[in-house]
Amino acid sequence: MIRAYTLQEGRLTQHKHPALHELEGLPNLIWLDLQSPSQEEKEFIEKLYKIEFFTSQEAQEIESSSRFLETDDTIEMNLSLLQNGASELSIANASFILKGNTLFTFRQGDLKSFAETVRRLKAGGSLEKKEHGLGVFLTILEVRIDMDADLIEGIHRRLNQISKDLIASKSYQEELLLSIAREQH
């Protein structure tokens, strides 16, 4: 699925599922989001805009020191984003390419941070943040920071509750577990 975002008369406009030929010469394009695209869609975008995304396997295998690349024409970043599922945490990879005034994103699956970014950009805020892909990229990072902070707070709350339960139960469990729980407080 491809979503294109343009800036028209100071407002962010979303183009859901545009035909590939509609992307050629799309005026005021600031963000092109590829979510689980077909191979044809991915290759078309790469050829049209002269960019190259990592494959899903390459994005997973990339070393942390190689997750950021700056060239004369682009800034590229690959992130592993922590997702809080119903019963467990998971990792989702996302690739970002900033070329000129346009941000290109590539991801497999739905990420709440992208939906929240769109919501924030449409809600208003500073027009400067919407004028170009860099502003969109910074908004995505702001959203991720907020979501990661919430995630860490939730994990901390659960650990504290486990600690309290361990101390309160005073079962014959190993003393080490109780001392670890005490250290949490």
Protein backbone atom coordinates (compact mmCIF):
# COMPACT_ATOMS: atom_id res chain seq x y z
CA MET A 1 0.00 0.00 0.00
CA ILE A 2 1.28 3.43 -0.89
CA ARG A 3 0.23 6.69 0.71
CA ALA A 4 1.39 9.99 -0.70
CA TYR A 5 1.22 13.21 1.31
CA THR A 6 1.32 16.58 -0.36
CA LEU A 7 1.12 20.09 0.97
CA GLN A 8 -1.63 22.08 -0.71
CA GLU A 9 -2.53 25.59 0.41
CA GLY A 10 -0.87 24.99 3.76
CA ARG A 11 -2.79 21.78 4.44
CA LEU A 12 -1.54 18.22 4.45
CA THR A 13 -3.39 16.14 1.88
CA GLN A 14 -3.30 12.36 1.96
CA HIS A 15 -3.55 10.36 -1.27
CA LYS A 16 -4.41 6.76 -0.34
CA HIS A 17 -3.58 4.00 -2.80
CA PRO A 18 -2.66 6.24 -5.74
CA ALA A 19 -2.11 4.54 -9.06
CA LEU A 20 1.59 4.33 -9.81
CA HIS A 21 1.35 6.64 -12.81
CA GLU A 22 -0.28 9.29 -10.56
CA LEU A 23 2.93 9.51 -8.53
CA GLU A 24 4.89 10.86 -11.47
CA GLY A 25 5.10 14.61 -11.08
CA LEU A 26 2.85 14.77 -8.01
CA PRO A 27 3.19 18.43 -6.94
CA ASN A 28 4.35 19.40 -3.46
CA LEU A 29 5.07 15.81 -2.41
CA ILE A 30 6.56 15.80 1.09
CA TRP A 31 6.09 12.15 2.18
CA LEU A 32 5.71 8.88 0.35
CA ASP A 33 4.90 6.00 2.71
CA LEU A 34 5.24 2.42 1.47
CA GLN A 35 3.47 0.01 3.83
CA SER A 36 3.89 -3.63 2.84
CA PRO A 37 4.16 -2.65 -0.84
CA SER A 38 4.17 -5.14 -3.67
CA GLN A 39 7.51 -5.78 -5.34
CA GLU A 40 6.21 -3.87 -8.37
CA GLU A 41 5.31 -0.82 -6.27
CA LYS A 42 8.66 -0.85 -4.47
CA GLU A 43 10.65 -1.14 -7.69
CA PHE A 44 8.57 1.57 -9.40
CA ILE A 45 9.20 4.04 -6.55
CA GLU A 46 12.90 3.21 -6.40
CA LYS A 47 13.29 3.74 -10.15
CA LEU A 48 11.10 6.87 -10.33
CA TYR A 49 12.81 8.68 -7.44
CA LYS A 50 16.26 7.11 -7.86
CA ILE A 51 16.39 5.70 -4.33
CA GLU A 52 17.00 2.21 -2.99
CA PHE A 53 15.41 0.69 0.10
CA PHE A 54 16.96 -2.14 2.04
CA THR A 55 15.22 -5.48 1.69
CA SER A 56 13.45 -6.67 4.84
CA GLN A 57 16.25 -9.16 5.48
CA GLU A 58 18.95 -6.51 4.99
CA ALA A 59 17.17 -4.17 7.40
CA GLN A 60 17.06 -6.90 10.07
CA GLU A 61 20.69 -7.87 9.61
CA ILE A 62 22.19 -4.39 9.44
CA GLU A 63 24.62 -3.52 12.21
CA SER A 64 23.67 -0.67 14.52
CA SER A 65 26.69 1.33 13.34
CA SER A 66 25.37 1.18 9.76
CA ARG A 67 21.79 2.29 10.43
CA PHE A 68 22.47 5.87 9.37
CA LEU A 69 23.96 6.97 6.05
CA GLU A 70 24.34 10.46 4.67
CA THR A 71 25.29 11.05 1.04
CA ASP A 72 25.34 14.18 -1.11
CA ASP A 73 21.71 13.56 -2.12
CA THR A 74 20.12 11.62 0.73
CA ILE A 75 19.91 10.92 4.42
CA GLU A 76 19.03 7.29 5.06
CA MET A 77 18.11 5.64 8.33
CA ASN A 78 16.91 2.19 9.31
CA LEU A 79 15.25 1.75 12.68
CA SER A 80 14.04 -1.24 14.64
CA LEU A 81 10.89 -0.03 16.38
CA LEU A 82 9.60 -1.73 19.51
CA GLN A 83 5.90 -2.53 19.30
CA ASN A 84 3.70 -3.35 22.28
CA GLY A 85 1.44 -6.19 21.16
CA ALA A 86 -1.49 -7.69 23.05
CA SER A 87 0.66 -10.19 24.92
CA GLU A 88 4.26 -9.49 23.99
CA LEU A 89 6.71 -7.00 22.57
CA SER A 90 7.84 -7.26 18.97
CA ILE A 91 10.27 -5.48 16.67
CA ALA A 92 9.23 -3.82 13.41
CA ASN A 93 11.79 -2.46 10.97
CA ALA A 94 11.29 0.81 9.14
CA SER A 95 13.49 2.51 6.56
CA PHE A 96 13.62 6.26 5.99
CA ILE A 97 15.14 8.10 3.06
CA LEU A 98 15.14 11.87 2.96
CA LYS A 99 15.86 13.13 -0.54
CA GLY A 100 15.41 16.80 -1.30
CA ASN A 101 12.21 17.90 0.40
CA THR A 102 10.61 14.44 0.32
CA LEU A 103 10.62 11.72 2.95
CA PHE A 104 10.29 8.14 1.73
CA THR A 105 9.36 5.47 4.28
CA PHE A 106 9.28 1.72 3.84
CA ARG A 107 7.83 -0.69 6.39
CA GLN A 108 6.11 -4.03 6.67
CA GLY A 109 2.85 -3.91 8.58
CA ASP A 110 0.96 -1.24 10.42
CA LEU A 111 2.80 0.95 12.92
CA LYS A 112 0.85 3.07 15.38
CA SER A 113 3.53 5.75 15.31
CA PHE A 114 2.87 6.43 11.63
CA ALA A 115 -0.88 6.82 12.18
CA GLU A 116 -0.19 9.13 15.12
CA THR A 117 2.23 11.17 13.02
CA VAL A 118 -0.44 11.69 10.35
CA ARG A 119 -2.94 12.68 13.05
CA ARG A 120 -0.54 15.25 14.51
CA LEU A 121 0.36 16.69 11.12
CA LYS A 122 -3.28 17.01 10.10
CA ALA A 123 -4.25 18.49 13.46
CA GLY A 124 -2.21 21.56 12.74
CA GLY A 125 0.73 22.63 14.74
CA SER A 126 3.58 24.43 13.14
CA LEU A 127 3.31 24.76 9.40
CA GLU A 128 7.11 24.60 9.32
CA LYS A 129 6.96 20.95 10.39
CA LYS A 130 4.79 20.09 7.42
CA GLU A 131 6.62 22.05 4.75
CA HIS A 132 9.10 19.34 3.92
CA GLY A 133 10.04 15.75 4.54
CA LEU A 134 12.52 16.63 7.27
CA GLY A 135 9.69 18.06 9.36
CA VAL A 136 7.65 14.90 8.82
CA PHE A 137 10.65 12.77 9.77
CA LEU A 138 11.22 14.77 12.96
CA THR A 139 7.53 14.39 13.83
CA ILE A 140 7.80 10.60 13.40
CA LEU A 141 10.80 10.60 15.75
CA GLU A 142 8.94 12.75 18.31
CA VAL A 143 6.01 10.33 18.23
CA ARG A 144 8.38 7.35 18.63
CA ILE A 145 10.05 8.98 21.63
CA ASP A 146 6.65 9.58 23.25
CA MET A 147 5.53 6.00 22.54
CA ASP A 148 8.81 4.51 23.77
CA ALA A 149 8.57 6.54 26.98
CA ASP A 150 5.03 5.23 27.53
CA LEU A 151 6.22 1.70 26.82
CA ILE A 152 9.08 1.97 29.31
CA GLU A 153 6.73 3.39 31.96
CA GLY A 154 4.34 0.47 31.40
CA ILE A 155 7.15 -2.08 31.72
CA HIS A 156 8.32 -0.36 34.90
CA ARG A 157 4.80 -0.51 36.37
CA ARG A 158 4.53 -4.23 35.57
CA LEU A 159 7.94 -4.94 37.10
CA ASN A 160 7.00 -3.04 40.23
CA GLN A 161 3.79 -5.06 40.54
CA ILE A 162 5.70 -8.32 40.11
CA SER A 163 8.13 -7.18 42.79
CA LYS A 164 5.32 -6.34 45.19
CA ASP A 165 3.63 -9.69 44.52
CA LEU A 166 6.87 -11.58 45.13
CA ILE A 167 7.49 -9.78 48.41
CA ALA A 168 3.88 -10.23 49.56
CA SER A 169 3.71 -13.95 48.74
CA LYS A 170 6.82 -14.81 50.75
CA SER A 171 6.61 -18.28 49.36
CA TYR A 172 9.52 -20.66 49.53
CA GLN A 173 10.85 -19.22 46.27
CA GLU A 174 14.53 -18.57 46.14
CA GLU A 175 15.71 -15.74 48.33
CA LEU A 176 17.40 -14.22 45.32
CA LEU A 177 14.07 -13.42 43.71
CA LEU A 178 12.91 -11.65 46.86
CA SER A 179 16.09 -9.61 47.10
CA ILE A 180 15.78 -8.58 43.45
CA ALA A 181 12.19 -7.53 44.12
CA ARG A 182 13.27 -5.50 47.14
CA GLU A 183 15.88 -3.71 45.04
CA GLN A 184 13.15 -2.51 42.70
CA HIS A 185 11.71 -0.29 45.44
